[in-house]
C-alpha atoms as a PDB file:
ATOM      1  CA  HIS A   1      76.586-115.180 137.739  1.00  0.00           C
ATOM      2  CA  ILE A   2      75.050-118.615 138.066  1.00  0.00           C
ATOM      3  CA  GLY A   3      71.574-118.980 136.607  1.00  0.00           C
ATOM      4  CA  ASP A   4      68.711-120.378 138.657  1.00  0.00           C
ATOM      5  CA  HIS A   5      68.729-123.650 136.721  1.00  0.00           C
ATOM      6  CA  GLN A   6      72.483-124.097 137.167  1.00  0.00           C
ATOM      7  CA  LEU A   7      72.237-123.314 140.866  1.00  0.00           C
ATOM      8  CA  LYS A   8      69.392-125.802 141.271  1.00  0.00           C
ATOM      9  CA  GLN A   9      71.433-128.463 139.472  1.00  0.00           C
ATOM     10  CA  GLN A  10      74.465-127.815 141.689  1.00  0.00           C
ATOM     11  CA  GLN A  11      72.349-128.016 144.828  1.00  0.00           C
ATOM     12  CA  ARG A  12      70.668-131.229 143.704  1.00  0.00           C
ATOM     13  CA  SER A  13      74.028-132.690 142.798  1.00  0.00           C
ATOM     14  CA  SER A  14      75.217-131.994 146.325  1.00  0.00           C
ATOM     15  CA  LEU A  15      72.041-133.480 147.765  1.00  0.00           C
ATOM     16  CA  ALA A  16      72.407-136.632 145.660  1.00  0.00           C
ATOM     17  CA  ALA A  17      76.090-137.054 146.443  1.00  0.00           C
ATOM     18  CA  ASP A  18      76.113-136.388 150.169  1.00  0.00           C
ATOM     19  CA  LYS A  19      73.009-135.340 152.019  1.00  0.00           C
ATOM     20  CA  ILE A  20      70.401-137.812 150.790  1.00  0.00           C
ATOM     21  CA  PRO A  21      72.713-140.842 151.153  1.00  0.00           C
ATOM     22  CA  PHE A  22      73.572-139.663 154.683  1.00  0.00           C
ATOM     23  CA  VAL A  23      69.877-139.435 155.606  1.00  0.00           C
ATOM     24  CA  PHE A  24      69.127-142.806 154.004  1.00  0.00           C
ATOM     25  CA  LYS A  25      72.043-144.411 155.876  1.00  0.00           C
ATOM     26  CA  SER A  26      70.751-142.941 159.144  1.00  0.00           C
ATOM     27  CA  LEU A  27      67.256-144.243 158.422  1.00  0.00           C
ATOM     28  CA  GLU A  28      68.668-147.619 157.385  1.00  0.00           C
ATOM     29  CA  ASP A  29      70.438-147.876 160.741  1.00  0.00           C
ATOM     30  CA  ALA A  30      67.291-146.920 162.662  1.00  0.00           C
ATOM     31  CA  VAL A  31      64.570-149.078 161.083  1.00  0.00           C
ATOM     32  CA  GLY A  32      63.680-152.741 161.118  1.00  0.00           C
ATOM     33  CA  LYS A  33      64.746-153.549 164.664  1.00  0.00           C
ATOM     34  CA  GLU A  34      61.736-155.797 165.367  1.00  0.00           C
ATOM     35  CA  SER A  35      60.903-156.941 161.850  1.00  0.00           C
ATOM     36  CA  PRO A  36      62.821-156.709 158.583  1.00  0.00           C
ATOM     37  CA  HIS A  37      59.628-155.737 156.744  1.00  0.00           C
ATOM     38  CA  PHE A  38      58.512-152.781 158.849  1.00  0.00           C
ATOM     39  CA  ALA A  39      60.178-149.593 160.049  1.00  0.00           C
ATOM     40  CA  VAL A  40      58.982-149.923 163.636  1.00  0.00           C
ATOM     41  CA  GLY A  41      57.176-152.790 165.284  1.00  0.00           C
ATOM     42  CA  LYS A  42      55.849-155.893 163.612  1.00  0.00           C
ATOM     43  CA  GLU A  43      53.050-154.447 161.509  1.00  0.00           C
ATOM     44  CA  LEU A  44      52.388-151.636 159.072  1.00  0.00           C
ATOM     45  CA  THR A  45      52.541-148.150 160.615  1.00  0.00           C
ATOM     46  CA  VAL A  46      52.612-144.560 159.425  1.00  0.00           C
ATOM     47  CA  ALA A  47      56.422-144.809 159.477  1.00  0.00           C
ATOM     48  CA  ASP A  48      56.280-147.409 156.698  1.00  0.00           C
ATOM     49  CA  LEU A  49      53.960-145.229 154.636  1.00  0.00           C
ATOM     50  CA  VAL A  50      56.263-142.223 155.061  1.00  0.00           C
ATOM     51  CA  LEU A  51      59.279-144.241 153.913  1.00  0.00           C
ATOM     52  CA  TYR A  52      57.286-145.623 150.986  1.00  0.00           C
ATOM     53  CA  ASN A  53      56.272-142.122 149.893  1.00  0.00           C
ATOM     54  CA  LEU A  54      59.798-140.771 150.254  1.00  0.00           C
ATOM     55  CA  ILE A  55      61.385-143.522 148.179  1.00  0.00           C
ATOM     56  CA  HIS A  56      58.532-143.479 145.662  1.00  0.00           C
ATOM     57  CA  TRP A  57      59.035-139.735 145.179  1.00  0.00           C
ATOM     58  CA  PHE A  58      62.648-140.319 144.185  1.00  0.00           C
ATOM     59  CA  LYS A  59      61.729-143.313 141.995  1.00  0.00           C
ATOM     60  CA  THR A  60      59.318-141.186 139.945  1.00  0.00           C
ATOM     61  CA  GLY A  61      62.186-139.159 138.499  1.00  0.00           C
ATOM     62  CA  LYS A  62      60.355-135.904 139.133  1.00  0.00           C
ATOM     63  CA  LEU A  63      63.426-134.461 140.838  1.00  0.00           C
ATOM     64  CA  GLU A  64      65.780-133.594 138.014  1.00  0.00           C
ATOM     65  CA  GLY A  65      69.354-134.327 138.990  1.00  0.00           C
ATOM     66  CA  ILE A  66      68.470-136.861 141.686  1.00  0.00           C
ATOM     67  CA  PRO A  67      68.968-140.487 140.589  1.00  0.00           C
ATOM     68  CA  THR A  68      65.791-142.561 140.643  1.00  0.00           C
ATOM     69  CA  ASP A  69      67.708-145.393 142.296  1.00  0.00           C
ATOM     70  CA  ILE A  70      69.175-143.257 145.075  1.00  0.00           C
ATOM     71  CA  ALA A  71      67.829-145.660 147.726  1.00  0.00           C
ATOM     72  CA  GLN A  72      69.602-148.620 146.115  1.00  0.00           C
ATOM     73  CA  GLY A  73      71.944-150.204 148.615  1.00  0.00           C
ATOM     74  CA  CYS A  74      69.652-149.443 151.551  1.00  0.00           C
ATOM     75  CA  ASP A  75      68.329-152.974 151.822  1.00  0.00           C
ATOM     76  CA  LYS A  76      66.032-152.403 154.793  1.00  0.00           C
ATOM     77  CA  LEU A  77      64.482-149.268 153.307  1.00  0.00           C
ATOM     78  CA  CYS A  78      63.940-151.005 149.975  1.00  0.00           C
ATOM     79  CA  ARG A  79      62.424-154.042 151.714  1.00  0.00           C
ATOM     80  CA  ILE A  80      60.005-151.785 153.600  1.00  0.00           C
ATOM     81  CA  TYR A  81      59.160-150.018 150.330  1.00  0.00           C
ATOM     82  CA  GLU A  82      58.371-153.372 148.692  1.00  0.00           C
ATOM     83  CA  THR A  83      56.306-154.511 151.687  1.00  0.00           C
ATOM     84  CA  VAL A  84      54.120-151.417 151.405  1.00  0.00           C
ATOM     85  CA  ALA A  85      53.959-151.693 147.597  1.00  0.00           C
ATOM     86  CA  LYS A  86      52.635-155.253 147.949  1.00  0.00           C
ATOM     87  CA  ASN A  87      49.951-154.301 150.466  1.00  0.00           C
ATOM     88  CA  ASP A  88      46.634-154.521 148.604  1.00  0.00           C
ATOM     89  CA  ARG A  89      44.766-152.188 150.948  1.00  0.00           C
ATOM     90  CA  VAL A  90      47.421-149.491 150.736  1.00  0.00           C
ATOM     91  CA  MET A  91      47.646-149.716 146.943  1.00  0.00           C
ATOM     92  CA  GLN A  92      43.852-149.627 146.675  1.00  0.00           C
ATOM     93  CA  TRP A  93      43.814-146.430 148.750  1.00  0.00           C
ATOM     94  CA  TYR A  94      46.580-144.897 146.615  1.00  0.00           C
ATOM     95  CA  GLY A  95      44.669-145.836 143.482  1.00  0.00           C
ATOM     96  CA  GLN A  96      41.615-143.977 144.729  1.00  0.00           C
ATOM     97  CA  HIS A  97      43.305-140.909 146.227  1.00  0.00           C
ATOM     98  CA  MET A  98      46.663-140.310 144.557  1.00  0.00           C
ATOM     99  CA  ARG A  99      45.907-139.602 140.920  1.00  0.00           C
END
């Protein structure tokens, strides 16, 4: 009988090895068609914020068993993440609302 913690670790291992990289590769192929700094179009959109939040969630290390650098190698996704992270207005909003 596998304990809940062991089962969770096995599932996260599978996610980290296969499923998350597959999703990131699919996203990597889909974004940045018009600009290398934004997911869609040539300016910041909700899509960029969603990608930022997704990658940031992994970077926090809150998901035991999922590497914090799981997005490494997805250059476009990481570039979009950095673009959002450098946006003063977005970071000001996060500072006020995401404590």
